[in-house]
Amino acid sequence: MACIYQDNIVIDGEAVAKGDKEYLMVKGHIDDFEEGEKLHMGFAEWIERFISHQGEKFWDKG
């Protein structure tokens, strides 16, 4: 869905199929999909937080 500062924001299709509203994941640009970490949010919350953090990687805990 997005590539931001070497992170890929991806949609977990299985979560969407199950009706899970927390379907976004983040993974490194060279990592496999299975190595992604759940962001525990959907697109609307992610984009709102991304904008309010002025494009900073709010999901990066390191």
PDB file of N, CA and C in Angstrom:
ATOM      1  N   MET A   1       0.823  -1.172   0.000  1.00  0.00           N
ATOM      2  CA  MET A   1       0.000   0.000   0.000  1.00  0.00           C
ATOM      3  C   MET A   1       0.874   1.245   0.000  1.00  0.00           C
ATOM      4  N   ALA A   2       1.975   1.225   0.772  1.00  0.00           N
ATOM      5  CA  ALA A   2       2.863   2.391   0.830  1.00  0.00           C
ATOM      6  C   ALA A   2       4.276   1.951   1.171  1.00  0.00           C
ATOM      7  N   CYS A   3       5.234   2.716   0.673  1.00  0.00           N
ATOM      8  CA  CYS A   3       6.635   2.506   1.022  1.00  0.00           C
ATOM      9  C   CYS A   3       7.127   3.822   1.613  1.00  0.00           C
ATOM     10  N   ILE A   4       7.467   3.793   2.899  1.00  0.00           N
ATOM     11  CA  ILE A   4       7.834   5.007   3.612  1.00  0.00           C
ATOM     12  C   ILE A   4       9.123   4.756   4.377  1.00  0.00           C
ATOM     13  N   TYR A   5      10.180   5.447   3.991  1.00  0.00           N
ATOM     14  CA  TYR A   5      11.472   5.348   4.687  1.00  0.00           C
ATOM     15  C   TYR A   5      11.910   3.900   4.894  1.00  0.00           C
ATOM     16  N   GLN A   6      11.919   3.106   3.868  1.00  0.00           N
ATOM     17  CA  GLN A   6      12.360   1.705   3.894  1.00  0.00           C
ATOM     18  C   GLN A   6      11.367   0.759   4.586  1.00  0.00           C
ATOM     19  N   ASP A   7      10.206   1.232   4.978  1.00  0.00           N
ATOM     20  CA  ASP A   7       9.152   0.382   5.537  1.00  0.00           C
ATOM     21  C   ASP A   7       8.051   0.234   4.497  1.00  0.00           C
ATOM     22  N   ASN A   8       7.502  -0.947   4.402  1.00  0.00           N
ATOM     23  CA  ASN A   8       6.336  -1.184   3.559  1.00  0.00           C
ATOM     24  C   ASN A   8       5.120  -1.328   4.461  1.00  0.00           C
ATOM     25  N   ILE A   9       4.098  -0.561   4.201  1.00  0.00           N
ATOM     26  CA  ILE A   9       2.817  -0.705   4.884  1.00  0.00           C
ATOM     27  C   ILE A   9       1.971  -1.585   3.974  1.00  0.00           C
ATOM     28  N   VAL A  10       1.563  -2.737   4.484  1.00  0.00           N
ATOM     29  CA  VAL A  10       0.865  -3.718   3.654  1.00  0.00           C
ATOM     30  C   VAL A  10      -0.475  -4.099   4.271  1.00  0.00           C
ATOM     31  N   ILE A  11      -1.350  -4.597   3.433  1.00  0.00           N
ATOM     32  CA  ILE A  11      -2.672  -5.060   3.858  1.00  0.00           C
ATOM     33  C   ILE A  11      -2.629  -6.566   4.003  1.00  0.00           C
ATOM     34  N   ASP A  12      -3.071  -7.057   5.138  1.00  0.00           N
ATOM     35  CA  ASP A  12      -3.181  -8.498   5.381  1.00  0.00           C
ATOM     36  C   ASP A  12      -4.520  -8.956   4.817  1.00  0.00           C
ATOM     37  N   GLY A  13      -4.481  -9.546   3.632  1.00  0.00           N
ATOM     38  CA  GLY A  13      -5.697  -9.979   2.950  1.00  0.00           C
ATOM     39  C   GLY A  13      -6.502 -11.004   3.737  1.00  0.00           C
ATOM     40  N   GLU A  14      -5.832 -11.876   4.475  1.00  0.00           N
ATOM     41  CA  GLU A  14      -6.547 -12.858   5.293  1.00  0.00           C
ATOM     42  C   GLU A  14      -7.337 -12.170   6.396  1.00  0.00           C
ATOM     43  N   ALA A  15      -6.759 -11.143   7.008  1.00  0.00           N
ATOM     44  CA  ALA A  15      -7.460 -10.393   8.050  1.00  0.00           C
ATOM     45  C   ALA A  15      -8.688  -9.696   7.465  1.00  0.00           C
ATOM     46  N   VAL A  16      -8.539  -9.125   6.278  1.00  0.00           N
ATOM     47  CA  VAL A  16      -9.665  -8.462   5.624  1.00  0.00           C
ATOM     48  C   VAL A  16     -10.766  -9.476   5.337  1.00  0.00           C
ATOM     49  N   ALA A  17     -10.401 -10.643   4.827  1.00  0.00           N
ATOM     50  CA  ALA A  17     -11.384 -11.683   4.507  1.00  0.00           C
ATOM     51  C   ALA A  17     -12.146 -12.140   5.742  1.00  0.00           C
ATOM     52  N   LYS A  18     -11.505 -12.107   6.889  1.00  0.00           N
ATOM     53  CA  LYS A  18     -12.146 -12.511   8.154  1.00  0.00           C
ATOM     54  C   LYS A  18     -12.971 -11.378   8.759  1.00  0.00           C
ATOM     55  N   GLY A  19     -12.912 -10.189   8.158  1.00  0.00           N
ATOM     56  CA  GLY A  19     -13.655  -9.053   8.683  1.00  0.00           C
ATOM     57  C   GLY A  19     -12.916  -8.302   9.778  1.00  0.00           C
ATOM     58  N   ASP A  20     -11.634  -8.593   9.953  1.00  0.00           N
ATOM     59  CA  ASP A  20     -10.817  -7.919  10.964  1.00  0.00           C
ATOM     60  C   ASP A  20     -10.591  -6.475  10.535  1.00  0.00           C
ATOM     61  N   LYS A  21     -10.907  -5.536  11.383  1.00  0.00           N
ATOM     62  CA  LYS A  21     -10.743  -4.121  11.059  1.00  0.00           C
ATOM     63  C   LYS A  21      -9.317  -3.633  11.311  1.00  0.00           C
ATOM     64  N   GLU A  22      -8.471  -4.466  11.894  1.00  0.00           N
ATOM     65  CA  GLU A  22      -7.069  -4.125  12.145  1.00  0.00           C
ATOM     66  C   GLU A  22      -6.208  -4.955  11.192  1.00  0.00           C
ATOM     67  N   TYR A  23      -6.187  -4.559   9.944  1.00  0.00           N
ATOM     68  CA  TYR A  23      -5.611  -5.378   8.878  1.00  0.00           C
ATOM     69  C   TYR A  23      -4.275  -4.873   8.330  1.00  0.00           C
ATOM     70  N   LEU A  24      -3.774  -3.756   8.833  1.00  0.00           N
ATOM     71  CA  LEU A  24      -2.507  -3.236   8.309  1.00  0.00           C
ATOM     72  C   LEU A  24      -1.310  -3.833   9.032  1.00  0.00           C
ATOM     73  N   MET A  25      -0.241  -3.996   8.269  1.00  0.00           N
ATOM     74  CA  MET A  25       1.013  -4.519   8.800  1.00  0.00           C
ATOM     75  C   MET A  25       2.152  -3.661   8.283  1.00  0.00           C
ATOM     76  N   VAL A  26       3.281  -3.710   8.975  1.00  0.00           N
ATOM     77  CA  VAL A  26       4.492  -3.037   8.518  1.00  0.00           C
ATOM     78  C   VAL A  26       5.595  -4.082   8.411  1.00  0.00           C
ATOM     79  N   LYS A  27       6.400  -3.958   7.361  1.00  0.00           N
ATOM     80  CA  LYS A  27       7.533  -4.859   7.182  1.00  0.00           C
ATOM     81  C   LYS A  27       8.659  -4.085   6.514  1.00  0.00           C
ATOM     82  N   GLY A  28       9.869  -4.528   6.723  1.00  0.00           N
ATOM     83  CA  GLY A  28      11.006  -3.917   6.050  1.00  0.00           C
ATOM     84  C   GLY A  28      10.921  -4.139   4.557  1.00  0.00           C
ATOM     85  N   HIS A  29      11.541  -3.281   3.788  1.00  0.00           N
ATOM     86  CA  HIS A  29      11.410  -3.352   2.333  1.00  0.00           C
ATOM     87  C   HIS A  29      12.008  -4.621   1.725  1.00  0.00           C
ATOM     88  N   ILE A  30      12.899  -5.300   2.444  1.00  0.00           N
ATOM     89  CA  ILE A  30      13.455  -6.557   1.920  1.00  0.00           C
ATOM     90  C   ILE A  30      12.928  -7.782   2.666  1.00  0.00           C
ATOM     91  N   ASP A  31      12.064  -7.571   3.667  1.00  0.00           N
ATOM     92  CA  ASP A  31      11.508  -8.683   4.443  1.00  0.00           C
ATOM     93  C   ASP A  31      10.386  -9.374   3.674  1.00  0.00           C
ATOM     94  N   ASP A  32      10.172 -10.643   4.001  1.00  0.00           N
ATOM     95  CA  ASP A  32       9.031 -11.368   3.455  1.00  0.00           C
ATOM     96  C   ASP A  32       7.767 -10.918   4.175  1.00  0.00           C
ATOM     97  N   PHE A  33       6.623 -11.147   3.553  1.00  0.00           N
ATOM     98  CA  PHE A  33       5.338 -10.758   4.138  1.00  0.00           C
ATOM     99  C   PHE A  33       5.164 -11.358   5.530  1.00  0.00           C
ATOM    100  N   GLU A  34       5.589 -12.599   5.704  1.00  0.00           N
ATOM    101  CA  GLU A  34       5.421 -13.296   6.971  1.00  0.00           C
ATOM    102  C   GLU A  34       6.191 -12.625   8.114  1.00  0.00           C
ATOM    103  N   GLU A  35       7.172 -11.797   7.785  1.00  0.00           N
ATOM    104  CA  GLU A  35       7.964 -11.112   8.802  1.00  0.00           C
ATOM    105  C   GLU A  35       7.328  -9.790   9.252  1.00  0.00           C
ATOM    106  N   GLY A  36       6.218  -9.436   8.652  1.00  0.00           N
ATOM    107  CA  GLY A  36       5.545  -8.186   8.997  1.00  0.00           C
ATOM    108  C   GLY A  36       4.966  -8.216  10.401  1.00  0.00           C
ATOM    109  N   GLU A  37       4.800  -7.023  10.956  1.00  0.00           N
ATOM    110  CA  GLU A  37       4.210  -6.862  12.282  1.00  0.00           C
ATOM    111  C   GLU A  37       2.879  -6.136  12.145  1.00  0.00           C
ATOM    112  N   LYS A  38       1.877  -6.621  12.887  1.00  0.00           N
ATOM    113  CA  LYS A  38       0.560  -5.986  12.846  1.00  0.00           C
ATOM    114  C   LYS A  38       0.652  -4.579  13.415  1.00  0.00           C
ATOM    115  N   LEU A  39      -0.027  -3.651  12.772  1.00  0.00           N
ATOM    116  CA  LEU A  39      -0.104  -2.283  13.273  1.00  0.00           C
ATOM    117  C   LEU A  39      -1.323  -2.077  14.163  1.00  0.00           C
ATOM    118  N   HIS A  40      -2.211  -3.045  14.204  1.00  0.00           N
ATOM    119  CA  HIS A  40      -3.425  -2.999  15.032  1.00  0.00           C
ATOM    120  C   HIS A  40      -4.292  -1.791  14.690  1.00  0.00           C
ATOM    121  N   MET A  41      -4.462  -1.568  13.370  1.00  0.00           N
ATOM    122  CA  MET A  41      -5.329  -0.490  12.903  1.00  0.00           C
ATOM    123  C   MET A  41      -5.675  -0.725  11.437  1.00  0.00           C
ATOM    124  N   GLY A  42      -6.698  -0.034  10.992  1.00  0.00           N
ATOM    125  CA  GLY A  42      -7.072  -0.034   9.595  1.00  0.00           C
ATOM    126  C   GLY A  42      -6.533   1.208   8.918  1.00  0.00           C
ATOM    127  N   PHE A  43      -6.881   1.365   7.637  1.00  0.00           N
ATOM    128  CA  PHE A  43      -6.331   2.474   6.856  1.00  0.00           C
ATOM    129  C   PHE A  43      -6.742   3.837   7.390  1.00  0.00           C
ATOM    130  N   ALA A  44      -8.008   4.016   7.756  1.00  0.00           N
ATOM    131  CA  ALA A  44      -8.478   5.334   8.201  1.00  0.00           C
ATOM    132  C   ALA A  44      -7.692   5.811   9.417  1.00  0.00           C
ATOM    133  N   GLU A  45      -7.488   4.945  10.397  1.00  0.00           N
ATOM    134  CA  GLU A  45      -6.718   5.336  11.581  1.00  0.00           C
ATOM    135  C   GLU A  45      -5.258   5.579  11.212  1.00  0.00           C
ATOM    136  N   TRP A  46      -4.701   4.731  10.345  1.00  0.00           N
ATOM    137  CA  TRP A  46      -3.297   4.887   9.959  1.00  0.00           C
ATOM    138  C   TRP A  46      -3.065   6.226   9.275  1.00  0.00           C
ATOM    139  N   ILE A  47      -3.901   6.576   8.304  1.00  0.00           N
ATOM    140  CA  ILE A  47      -3.684   7.820   7.563  1.00  0.00           C
ATOM    141  C   ILE A  47      -3.890   9.026   8.465  1.00  0.00           C
ATOM    142  N   GLU A  48      -4.848   8.958   9.365  1.00  0.00           N
ATOM    143  CA  GLU A  48      -5.076  10.052  10.312  1.00  0.00           C
ATOM    144  C   GLU A  48      -3.841  10.269  11.192  1.00  0.00           C
ATOM    145  N   ARG A  49      -3.298   9.187  11.711  1.00  0.00           N
ATOM    146  CA  ARG A  49      -2.108   9.295  12.565  1.00  0.00           C
ATOM    147  C   ARG A  49      -0.883   9.719  11.761  1.00  0.00           C
ATOM    148  N   PHE A  50      -0.749   9.228  10.538  1.00  0.00           N
ATOM    149  CA  PHE A  50       0.377   9.603   9.688  1.00  0.00           C
ATOM    150  C   PHE A  50       0.366  11.105   9.416  1.00  0.00           C
ATOM    151  N   ILE A  51      -0.804  11.638   9.144  1.00  0.00           N
ATOM    152  CA  ILE A  51      -0.930  13.072   8.898  1.00  0.00           C
ATOM    153  C   ILE A  51      -0.661  13.864  10.176  1.00  0.00           C
ATOM    154  N   SER A  52      -1.246  13.442  11.291  1.00  0.00           N
ATOM    155  CA  SER A  52      -1.054  14.190  12.535  1.00  0.00           C
ATOM    156  C   SER A  52       0.396  14.150  13.023  1.00  0.00           C
ATOM    157  N   HIS A  53       1.149  13.116  12.627  1.00  0.00           N
ATOM    158  CA  HIS A  53       2.569  13.027  12.969  1.00  0.00           C
ATOM    159  C   HIS A  53       3.452  13.615  11.864  1.00  0.00           C
ATOM    160  N   GLN A  54       2.826  14.318  10.932  1.00  0.00           N
ATOM    161  CA  GLN A  54       3.500  15.028   9.854  1.00  0.00           C
ATOM    162  C   GLN A  54       4.463  14.144   9.056  1.00  0.00           C
ATOM    163  N   GLY A  55       4.018  12.929   8.766  1.00  0.00           N
ATOM    164  CA  GLY A  55       4.790  12.024   7.925  1.00  0.00           C
ATOM    165  C   GLY A  55       5.862  11.234   8.647  1.00  0.00           C
ATOM    166  N   GLU A  56       5.955  11.382   9.957  1.00  0.00           N
ATOM    167  CA  GLU A  56       6.937  10.614  10.725  1.00  0.00           C
ATOM    168  C   GLU A  56       6.451   9.175  10.907  1.00  0.00           C
ATOM    169  N   LYS A  57       7.390   8.268  11.113  1.00  0.00           N
ATOM    170  CA  LYS A  57       7.073   6.851  11.304  1.00  0.00           C
ATOM    171  C   LYS A  57       6.612   6.611  12.735  1.00  0.00           C
ATOM    172  N   PHE A  58       5.355   6.949  13.036  1.00  0.00           N
ATOM    173  CA  PHE A  58       4.812   6.794  14.378  1.00  0.00           C
ATOM    174  C   PHE A  58       4.790   5.332  14.820  1.00  0.00           C
ATOM    175  N   TRP A  59       4.780   4.411  13.871  1.00  0.00           N
ATOM    176  CA  TRP A  59       4.726   2.983  14.176  1.00  0.00           C
ATOM    177  C   TRP A  59       6.085   2.423  14.573  1.00  0.00           C
ATOM    178  N   ASP A  60       7.135   3.179  14.387  1.00  0.00           N
ATOM    179  CA  ASP A  60       8.488   2.709  14.678  1.00  0.00           C
ATOM    180  C   ASP A  60       8.791   2.903  16.157  1.00  0.00           C
ATOM    181  N   LYS A  61       8.845   1.804  16.877  1.00  0.00           N
ATOM    182  CA  LYS A  61       9.059   1.870  18.326  1.00  0.00           C
ATOM    183  C   LYS A  61      10.542   1.900  18.679  1.00  0.00           C
ATOM    184  N   GLY A  62      11.414   1.715  17.676  1.00  0.00           N
ATOM    185  CA  GLY A  62      12.846   1.638  17.941  1.00  0.00           C
ATOM    186  C   GLY A  62      13.446   2.967  17.920  1.00  0.00           C
TER     187      GLY A  62
END
